[in-house]
């Protein structure tokens, strides 16, 4: 089985290019919005759709959604949970990271595809965004480390 982890400090984030490709594989459009007005300064929050995809680069402050809110909206362009509740072994996620390589990683991540033998127990460990795979076989004997009292 293949799955995707983040192999640097920062956190698991897909780049705008990867988000766009992921939604394409699911048969959906990707819309990107940037906050252009702020309530505490302008009296209203405003978000503007970015139609020139090449201008986005790897901007962590751009929101991606599969919902078109129009050119300008006062509604926070939230991610559709149906599109972005992505399992780490999602076939489209794996395909995107394999296709795009380093370009799949968000601004503070380095996404890596790892392969795990089917039937292995595993979990993803995370520390400050850096992830690793921990394996456990069901018949292993794990012991608790504690001082002798």
N, C-alpha and C. Protein backbone atom coordinates (compact mmCIF):
# COMPACT_ATOMS: atom_id res chain seq x y z
N UNK A 1 0.84 -1.17 0.00
CA UNK A 1 0.00 0.00 0.00
C UNK A 1 0.89 1.24 0.00
N UNK A 2 0.50 2.24 -0.77
CA UNK A 2 1.22 3.50 -0.80
C UNK A 2 0.44 4.55 -0.01
N UNK A 3 1.20 5.42 0.68
CA UNK A 3 0.58 6.54 1.36
C UNK A 3 1.55 7.71 1.36
N UNK A 4 1.01 8.89 1.69
CA UNK A 4 1.78 10.12 1.62
C UNK A 4 2.00 10.67 3.03
N UNK A 5 3.27 11.04 3.32
CA UNK A 5 3.60 11.68 4.58
C UNK A 5 4.41 12.94 4.31
N UNK A 6 4.54 13.77 5.32
CA UNK A 6 5.39 14.96 5.24
C UNK A 6 6.74 14.64 5.86
N UNK A 7 7.81 14.85 5.12
CA UNK A 7 9.13 14.48 5.61
C UNK A 7 10.01 15.69 5.93
N UNK A 8 9.40 16.74 6.51
CA UNK A 8 10.16 17.87 7.02
C UNK A 8 9.32 18.56 8.10
N UNK A 9 9.96 19.41 8.88
CA UNK A 9 9.22 20.18 9.88
C UNK A 9 8.35 21.20 9.17
N UNK A 10 7.17 21.42 9.68
CA UNK A 10 6.27 22.39 9.08
C UNK A 10 4.84 21.88 9.06
N UNK A 11 4.57 20.81 8.38
CA UNK A 11 3.22 20.27 8.35
C UNK A 11 2.83 19.77 6.98
N UNK A 12 1.81 18.94 6.95
CA UNK A 12 1.31 18.32 5.73
C UNK A 12 0.42 19.32 4.99
N UNK A 13 0.89 19.81 3.85
CA UNK A 13 0.12 20.75 3.04
C UNK A 13 0.37 20.48 1.56
N UNK A 14 -0.70 20.48 0.80
CA UNK A 14 -0.58 20.36 -0.65
C UNK A 14 -0.41 21.75 -1.26
N UNK A 15 0.37 21.84 -2.31
CA UNK A 15 0.52 23.10 -3.04
C UNK A 15 -0.76 23.39 -3.81
N UNK A 16 -0.95 24.65 -4.23
CA UNK A 16 -2.11 24.96 -5.07
C UNK A 16 -2.15 24.09 -6.33
N UNK A 17 -1.00 23.85 -6.94
CA UNK A 17 -0.95 23.01 -8.14
C UNK A 17 -1.43 21.59 -7.83
N UNK A 18 -1.04 21.06 -6.67
CA UNK A 18 -1.46 19.72 -6.27
C UNK A 18 -2.95 19.68 -5.95
N UNK A 19 -3.45 20.71 -5.27
CA UNK A 19 -4.89 20.77 -4.97
C UNK A 19 -5.70 20.81 -6.26
N UNK A 20 -5.24 21.60 -7.20
CA UNK A 20 -5.93 21.70 -8.50
C UNK A 20 -5.95 20.35 -9.20
N UNK A 21 -4.81 19.68 -9.23
CA UNK A 21 -4.71 18.38 -9.89
C UNK A 21 -5.56 17.33 -9.17
N UNK A 22 -5.55 17.36 -7.85
CA UNK A 22 -6.35 16.42 -7.06
C UNK A 22 -7.83 16.56 -7.41
N UNK A 23 -8.31 17.80 -7.46
CA UNK A 23 -9.72 18.01 -7.80
C UNK A 23 -10.01 17.61 -9.25
N UNK A 24 -9.06 17.86 -10.16
CA UNK A 24 -9.23 17.42 -11.55
C UNK A 24 -9.44 15.91 -11.61
N UNK A 25 -8.64 15.17 -10.88
CA UNK A 25 -8.76 13.70 -10.87
C UNK A 25 -10.11 13.26 -10.32
N UNK A 26 -10.70 14.08 -9.45
CA UNK A 26 -12.02 13.77 -8.90
C UNK A 26 -13.15 14.30 -9.79
N UNK A 27 -12.77 14.94 -10.91
CA UNK A 27 -13.77 15.46 -11.84
C UNK A 27 -14.38 16.79 -11.42
N UNK A 28 -13.63 17.57 -10.65
CA UNK A 28 -14.14 18.84 -10.15
C UNK A 28 -13.22 19.98 -10.53
N UNK A 29 -13.77 21.20 -10.48
CA UNK A 29 -12.98 22.40 -10.73
C UNK A 29 -12.38 22.91 -9.43
N UNK A 30 -11.26 23.60 -9.54
CA UNK A 30 -10.63 24.23 -8.38
C UNK A 30 -10.73 25.74 -8.53
N UNK A 31 -11.14 26.40 -7.45
CA UNK A 31 -11.23 27.86 -7.42
C UNK A 31 -10.35 28.35 -6.28
N UNK A 32 -9.57 29.38 -6.56
CA UNK A 32 -8.64 29.91 -5.57
C UNK A 32 -9.04 31.33 -5.21
N UNK A 33 -9.04 31.62 -3.91
CA UNK A 33 -9.43 32.93 -3.40
C UNK A 33 -8.36 33.48 -2.47
N UNK A 34 -8.20 34.80 -2.54
CA UNK A 34 -7.28 35.50 -1.65
C UNK A 34 -8.06 36.59 -0.92
N UNK A 35 -7.75 36.75 0.36
CA UNK A 35 -8.41 37.79 1.14
C UNK A 35 -7.88 39.15 0.70
N UNK A 36 -8.79 40.03 0.29
CA UNK A 36 -8.38 41.34 -0.23
C UNK A 36 -8.86 42.50 0.62
N UNK A 37 -9.80 42.26 1.53
CA UNK A 37 -10.24 43.28 2.49
C UNK A 37 -10.40 42.61 3.85
N UNK A 38 -10.12 43.38 4.89
CA UNK A 38 -10.15 42.86 6.25
C UNK A 38 -11.14 43.66 7.08
N UNK A 39 -11.97 42.97 7.85
CA UNK A 39 -13.00 43.64 8.63
C UNK A 39 -12.42 44.67 9.58
N UNK A 40 -11.31 44.36 10.24
CA UNK A 40 -10.75 45.28 11.22
C UNK A 40 -10.13 46.53 10.58
N UNK A 41 -9.88 46.50 9.29
CA UNK A 41 -9.33 47.68 8.59
C UNK A 41 -10.40 48.32 7.70
N UNK A 42 -11.06 47.47 6.89
CA UNK A 42 -11.99 47.95 5.87
C UNK A 42 -13.46 47.89 6.29
N UNK A 43 -13.74 47.30 7.45
CA UNK A 43 -15.12 47.17 7.91
C UNK A 43 -15.83 45.96 7.34
N UNK A 44 -15.16 45.21 6.47
CA UNK A 44 -15.77 44.02 5.85
C UNK A 44 -14.67 43.08 5.38
N UNK A 45 -14.94 41.80 5.48
CA UNK A 45 -14.02 40.81 4.90
C UNK A 45 -14.42 40.60 3.45
N UNK A 46 -13.42 40.55 2.58
CA UNK A 46 -13.69 40.33 1.16
C UNK A 46 -12.65 39.38 0.59
N UNK A 47 -13.10 38.49 -0.25
CA UNK A 47 -12.22 37.52 -0.90
C UNK A 47 -12.40 37.63 -2.40
N UNK A 48 -11.28 37.63 -3.12
CA UNK A 48 -11.30 37.76 -4.57
C UNK A 48 -10.77 36.49 -5.20
N UNK A 49 -11.52 36.00 -6.19
CA UNK A 49 -11.09 34.80 -6.91
C UNK A 49 -9.86 35.13 -7.75
N UNK A 50 -8.90 34.24 -7.74
CA UNK A 50 -7.69 34.41 -8.54
C UNK A 50 -7.87 33.60 -9.81
N UNK A 51 -8.03 34.29 -10.92
CA UNK A 51 -8.27 33.59 -12.18
C UNK A 51 -6.98 33.27 -12.92
N UNK A 52 -5.89 33.94 -12.58
CA UNK A 52 -4.60 33.65 -13.19
C UNK A 52 -3.85 32.66 -12.29
N UNK A 53 -4.03 31.38 -12.57
CA UNK A 53 -3.46 30.34 -11.71
C UNK A 53 -1.95 30.46 -11.57
N UNK A 54 -1.27 30.89 -12.63
CA UNK A 54 0.19 30.99 -12.59
C UNK A 54 0.69 32.02 -11.57
N UNK A 55 -0.16 32.94 -11.17
CA UNK A 55 0.25 33.97 -10.20
C UNK A 55 0.22 33.46 -8.76
N UNK A 56 -0.36 32.31 -8.54
CA UNK A 56 -0.52 31.80 -7.18
C UNK A 56 0.79 31.28 -6.60
N UNK A 57 1.57 30.59 -7.41
CA UNK A 57 2.81 29.94 -6.96
C UNK A 57 2.51 29.01 -5.79
N UNK A 58 3.23 29.18 -4.68
CA UNK A 58 3.02 28.32 -3.51
C UNK A 58 2.61 29.18 -2.32
N UNK A 59 1.66 30.07 -2.55
CA UNK A 59 1.21 31.01 -1.54
C UNK A 59 0.35 30.30 -0.48
N UNK A 60 0.81 30.26 0.78
CA UNK A 60 0.04 29.58 1.81
C UNK A 60 -1.22 30.34 2.24
N UNK A 61 -1.38 31.57 1.76
CA UNK A 61 -2.52 32.39 2.17
C UNK A 61 -3.65 32.40 1.14
N UNK A 62 -3.61 31.47 0.21
CA UNK A 62 -4.65 31.34 -0.80
C UNK A 62 -5.52 30.14 -0.45
N UNK A 63 -6.84 30.34 -0.49
CA UNK A 63 -7.78 29.26 -0.19
C UNK A 63 -8.20 28.57 -1.48
N UNK A 64 -8.27 27.26 -1.42
CA UNK A 64 -8.74 26.47 -2.56
C UNK A 64 -10.06 25.81 -2.18
N UNK A 65 -11.01 25.85 -3.10
CA UNK A 65 -12.30 25.23 -2.89
C UNK A 65 -12.83 24.70 -4.22
N UNK A 66 -13.76 23.76 -4.15
CA UNK A 66 -14.40 23.27 -5.38
C UNK A 66 -15.71 24.01 -5.63
N UNK A 67 -15.98 25.01 -4.79
CA UNK A 67 -17.20 25.80 -4.91
C UNK A 67 -16.84 27.17 -5.48
N UNK A 68 -17.55 27.59 -6.54
CA UNK A 68 -17.33 28.90 -7.13
C UNK A 68 -18.20 29.92 -6.41
N UNK A 69 -17.56 30.80 -5.65
CA UNK A 69 -18.28 31.84 -4.91
C UNK A 69 -18.41 33.12 -5.73
N UNK A 70 -17.99 33.09 -6.99
CA UNK A 70 -18.02 34.28 -7.83
C UNK A 70 -16.70 35.01 -7.75
N UNK A 71 -16.59 36.11 -8.50
CA UNK A 71 -15.33 36.87 -8.58
C UNK A 71 -14.96 37.48 -7.22
N UNK A 72 -15.94 38.07 -6.54
CA UNK A 72 -15.71 38.67 -5.22
C UNK A 72 -16.81 38.19 -4.28
N UNK A 73 -16.40 37.83 -3.07
CA UNK A 73 -17.37 37.34 -2.09
C UNK A 73 -17.01 37.83 -0.70
N UNK A 74 -18.02 37.96 0.13
CA UNK A 74 -17.81 38.29 1.54
C UNK A 74 -17.88 37.02 2.39
N UNK A 75 -18.19 35.92 1.74
CA UNK A 75 -18.27 34.62 2.41
C UNK A 75 -16.90 33.97 2.37
N UNK A 76 -16.47 33.47 3.53
CA UNK A 76 -15.17 32.78 3.58
C UNK A 76 -15.23 31.58 2.65
N UNK A 77 -14.36 31.51 1.64
CA UNK A 77 -14.39 30.40 0.67
C UNK A 77 -13.81 29.12 1.28
N UNK A 78 -14.65 28.46 2.06
CA UNK A 78 -14.18 27.30 2.80
C UNK A 78 -14.02 26.09 1.90
N UNK A 79 -13.16 25.21 2.36
CA UNK A 79 -12.94 23.96 1.64
C UNK A 79 -14.16 23.07 1.82
N UNK A 80 -14.55 22.42 0.78
CA UNK A 80 -15.63 21.46 0.84
C UNK A 80 -15.08 20.21 1.52
N UNK A 81 -15.56 19.85 2.72
CA UNK A 81 -15.00 18.71 3.44
C UNK A 81 -15.01 17.42 2.60
N UNK A 82 -15.99 17.30 1.73
CA UNK A 82 -16.08 16.13 0.86
C UNK A 82 -14.86 16.02 -0.06
N UNK A 83 -14.30 17.16 -0.44
CA UNK A 83 -13.15 17.17 -1.35
C UNK A 83 -11.82 17.07 -0.62
N UNK A 84 -11.75 17.56 0.61
CA UNK A 84 -10.45 17.69 1.25
C UNK A 84 -10.29 16.88 2.53
N UNK A 85 -11.19 15.96 2.82
CA UNK A 85 -10.98 15.00 3.91
C UNK A 85 -10.24 13.83 3.28
N UNK A 86 -8.97 14.05 3.04
CA UNK A 86 -8.19 13.12 2.23
C UNK A 86 -7.47 12.11 3.11
N UNK A 87 -7.72 10.85 2.86
CA UNK A 87 -6.97 9.78 3.53
C UNK A 87 -5.57 9.75 2.94
N UNK A 88 -4.59 9.42 3.74
CA UNK A 88 -3.21 9.44 3.27
C UNK A 88 -2.92 8.39 2.20
N UNK A 89 -3.76 7.37 2.12
CA UNK A 89 -3.57 6.35 1.08
C UNK A 89 -4.56 6.54 -0.08
N UNK A 90 -5.19 7.70 -0.15
CA UNK A 90 -6.11 8.02 -1.24
C UNK A 90 -5.36 7.88 -2.57
N UNK A 91 -5.94 7.13 -3.49
CA UNK A 91 -5.25 6.84 -4.76
C UNK A 91 -4.94 8.11 -5.55
N UNK A 92 -5.83 9.11 -5.48
CA UNK A 92 -5.58 10.34 -6.21
C UNK A 92 -4.47 11.16 -5.55
N UNK A 93 -4.45 11.17 -4.23
CA UNK A 93 -3.38 11.87 -3.52
C UNK A 93 -2.02 11.28 -3.87
N UNK A 94 -1.93 9.96 -3.82
CA UNK A 94 -0.68 9.28 -4.16
C UNK A 94 -0.28 9.61 -5.59
N UNK A 95 -1.25 9.56 -6.50
CA UNK A 95 -0.97 9.86 -7.92
C UNK A 95 -0.45 11.29 -8.09
N UNK A 96 -1.08 12.24 -7.40
CA UNK A 96 -0.66 13.64 -7.51
C UNK A 96 0.77 13.82 -7.03
N UNK A 97 1.12 13.25 -5.89
CA UNK A 97 2.47 13.40 -5.35
C UNK A 97 3.49 12.70 -6.24
N UNK A 98 3.13 11.55 -6.79
CA UNK A 98 4.05 10.86 -7.70
C UNK A 98 4.22 11.65 -9.01
N UNK A 99 3.14 12.21 -9.53
CA UNK A 99 3.21 12.98 -10.78
C UNK A 99 4.00 14.28 -10.62
N UNK A 100 3.69 15.03 -9.57
CA UNK A 100 4.25 16.37 -9.42
C UNK A 100 5.57 16.41 -8.65
N UNK A 101 5.88 15.37 -7.92
CA UNK A 101 7.12 15.35 -7.15
C UNK A 101 7.15 16.50 -6.16
N UNK A 102 8.25 17.25 -6.13
CA UNK A 102 8.41 18.36 -5.18
C UNK A 102 7.34 19.43 -5.35
N UNK A 103 6.81 19.59 -6.54
CA UNK A 103 5.79 20.61 -6.79
C UNK A 103 4.47 20.31 -6.08
N UNK A 104 4.29 19.10 -5.57
CA UNK A 104 3.07 18.75 -4.84
C UNK A 104 3.07 19.31 -3.42
N UNK A 105 4.24 19.62 -2.91
CA UNK A 105 4.38 20.06 -1.52
C UNK A 105 3.99 21.52 -1.34
N UNK A 106 3.27 21.78 -0.25
CA UNK A 106 2.92 23.15 0.10
C UNK A 106 4.14 23.91 0.59
N UNK A 107 3.93 25.17 0.97
CA UNK A 107 5.03 26.06 1.32
C UNK A 107 5.89 25.55 2.47
N UNK A 108 5.32 24.83 3.41
CA UNK A 108 6.07 24.39 4.58
C UNK A 108 6.05 22.87 4.71
N UNK A 109 6.18 22.19 3.59
CA UNK A 109 6.13 20.72 3.63
C UNK A 109 7.01 20.11 2.55
N UNK A 110 7.28 18.83 2.71
CA UNK A 110 7.98 18.03 1.70
C UNK A 110 7.27 16.68 1.69
N UNK A 111 6.34 16.54 0.76
CA UNK A 111 5.51 15.33 0.71
C UNK A 111 6.26 14.19 0.04
N UNK A 112 6.11 13.01 0.63
CA UNK A 112 6.82 11.83 0.17
C UNK A 112 5.85 10.66 0.13
N UNK A 113 5.93 9.87 -0.93
CA UNK A 113 5.14 8.64 -1.01
C UNK A 113 5.98 7.52 -0.41
N UNK A 114 5.38 6.80 0.54
CA UNK A 114 6.05 5.65 1.14
C UNK A 114 5.19 4.41 0.87
N UNK A 115 5.85 3.29 0.80
CA UNK A 115 5.13 2.05 0.54
C UNK A 115 5.22 1.16 1.78
N UNK A 116 4.07 0.63 2.16
CA UNK A 116 3.97 -0.23 3.32
C UNK A 116 3.46 -1.58 2.87
N UNK A 117 4.05 -2.61 3.40
CA UNK A 117 3.63 -3.97 3.07
C UNK A 117 2.19 -4.16 3.55
N UNK A 118 1.34 -4.68 2.67
CA UNK A 118 -0.05 -4.93 3.04
C UNK A 118 -0.11 -5.88 4.23
N UNK A 119 -1.04 -5.61 5.13
CA UNK A 119 -1.21 -6.45 6.30
C UNK A 119 -0.42 -5.98 7.51
N UNK A 120 0.41 -4.96 7.36
CA UNK A 120 1.19 -4.42 8.49
C UNK A 120 0.35 -3.42 9.27
N UNK A 121 0.49 -3.44 10.56
CA UNK A 121 -0.11 -2.42 11.40
C UNK A 121 0.84 -1.23 11.39
N UNK A 122 0.30 -0.03 11.25
CA UNK A 122 1.15 1.16 11.23
C UNK A 122 0.38 2.34 11.78
N UNK A 123 1.12 3.36 12.11
CA UNK A 123 0.51 4.65 12.41
C UNK A 123 1.49 5.73 11.97
N UNK A 124 0.94 6.90 11.71
CA UNK A 124 1.78 8.03 11.32
C UNK A 124 2.07 8.83 12.59
N UNK A 125 3.34 8.94 12.92
CA UNK A 125 3.77 9.78 14.04
C UNK A 125 4.12 11.16 13.50
N UNK A 126 3.85 12.18 14.31
CA UNK A 126 4.12 13.54 13.87
C UNK A 126 4.73 14.33 15.02
N UNK A 127 5.79 15.08 14.72
CA UNK A 127 6.40 16.00 15.67
C UNK A 127 6.73 17.29 14.93
N UNK A 128 6.11 18.38 15.32
CA UNK A 128 6.30 19.68 14.65
C UNK A 128 6.09 19.59 13.14
N UNK A 129 5.16 18.75 12.72
CA UNK A 129 4.86 18.61 11.31
C UNK A 129 5.64 17.52 10.59
N UNK A 130 6.77 17.13 11.17
CA UNK A 130 7.61 16.07 10.58
C UNK A 130 6.95 14.73 10.90
N UNK A 131 6.72 13.94 9.88
CA UNK A 131 6.01 12.66 10.06
C UNK A 131 6.90 11.47 9.77
N UNK A 132 6.63 10.40 10.47
CA UNK A 132 7.32 9.13 10.23
C UNK A 132 6.32 8.01 10.44
N UNK A 133 6.66 6.85 9.92
CA UNK A 133 5.79 5.69 10.04
C UNK A 133 6.32 4.80 11.16
N UNK A 134 5.42 4.40 12.04
CA UNK A 134 5.76 3.43 13.07
C UNK A 134 5.01 2.14 12.77
N UNK A 135 5.73 1.03 12.82
CA UNK A 135 5.13 -0.27 12.52
C UNK A 135 4.93 -1.06 13.80
N UNK A 136 3.92 -1.88 13.78
CA UNK A 136 3.69 -2.79 14.90
C UNK A 136 3.05 -4.05 14.35
N UNK A 137 3.67 -5.17 14.60
CA UNK A 137 3.05 -6.44 14.23
C UNK A 137 2.15 -6.87 15.36
N UNK A 138 1.03 -7.43 15.04
CA UNK A 138 0.01 -7.77 16.03
C UNK A 138 0.55 -8.73 17.10
N UNK A 139 1.56 -9.56 16.74
CA UNK A 139 2.07 -10.52 17.71
C UNK A 139 3.30 -10.00 18.46
N UNK A 140 3.69 -8.75 18.22
CA UNK A 140 4.81 -8.17 18.96
C UNK A 140 4.44 -8.01 20.43
N UNK A 141 5.43 -8.10 21.27
CA UNK A 141 5.22 -7.82 22.69
C UNK A 141 5.85 -6.48 23.00
N UNK A 142 5.03 -5.51 23.29
CA UNK A 142 5.52 -4.18 23.62
C UNK A 142 5.52 -4.05 25.13
N UNK A 143 6.55 -3.44 25.65
CA UNK A 143 6.65 -3.27 27.09
C UNK A 143 6.74 -1.80 27.43
N UNK A 144 6.26 -1.47 28.60
CA UNK A 144 6.28 -0.11 29.09
C UNK A 144 7.60 0.16 29.80
N UNK A 145 8.29 1.22 29.45
CA UNK A 145 9.52 1.60 30.12
C UNK A 145 9.17 2.38 31.38
N UNK A 146 9.56 1.85 32.52
CA UNK A 146 9.28 2.54 33.79
C UNK A 146 10.35 2.16 34.82
N UNK A 147 10.60 3.09 35.74
CA UNK A 147 11.57 2.83 36.80
C UNK A 147 11.08 1.76 37.73
N UNK A 148 12.03 0.96 38.26
CA UNK A 148 11.70 -0.07 39.25
C UNK A 148 11.51 0.61 40.61
N UNK A 149 10.35 0.40 41.20
CA UNK A 149 10.05 1.07 42.48
C UNK A 149 10.25 0.12 43.64
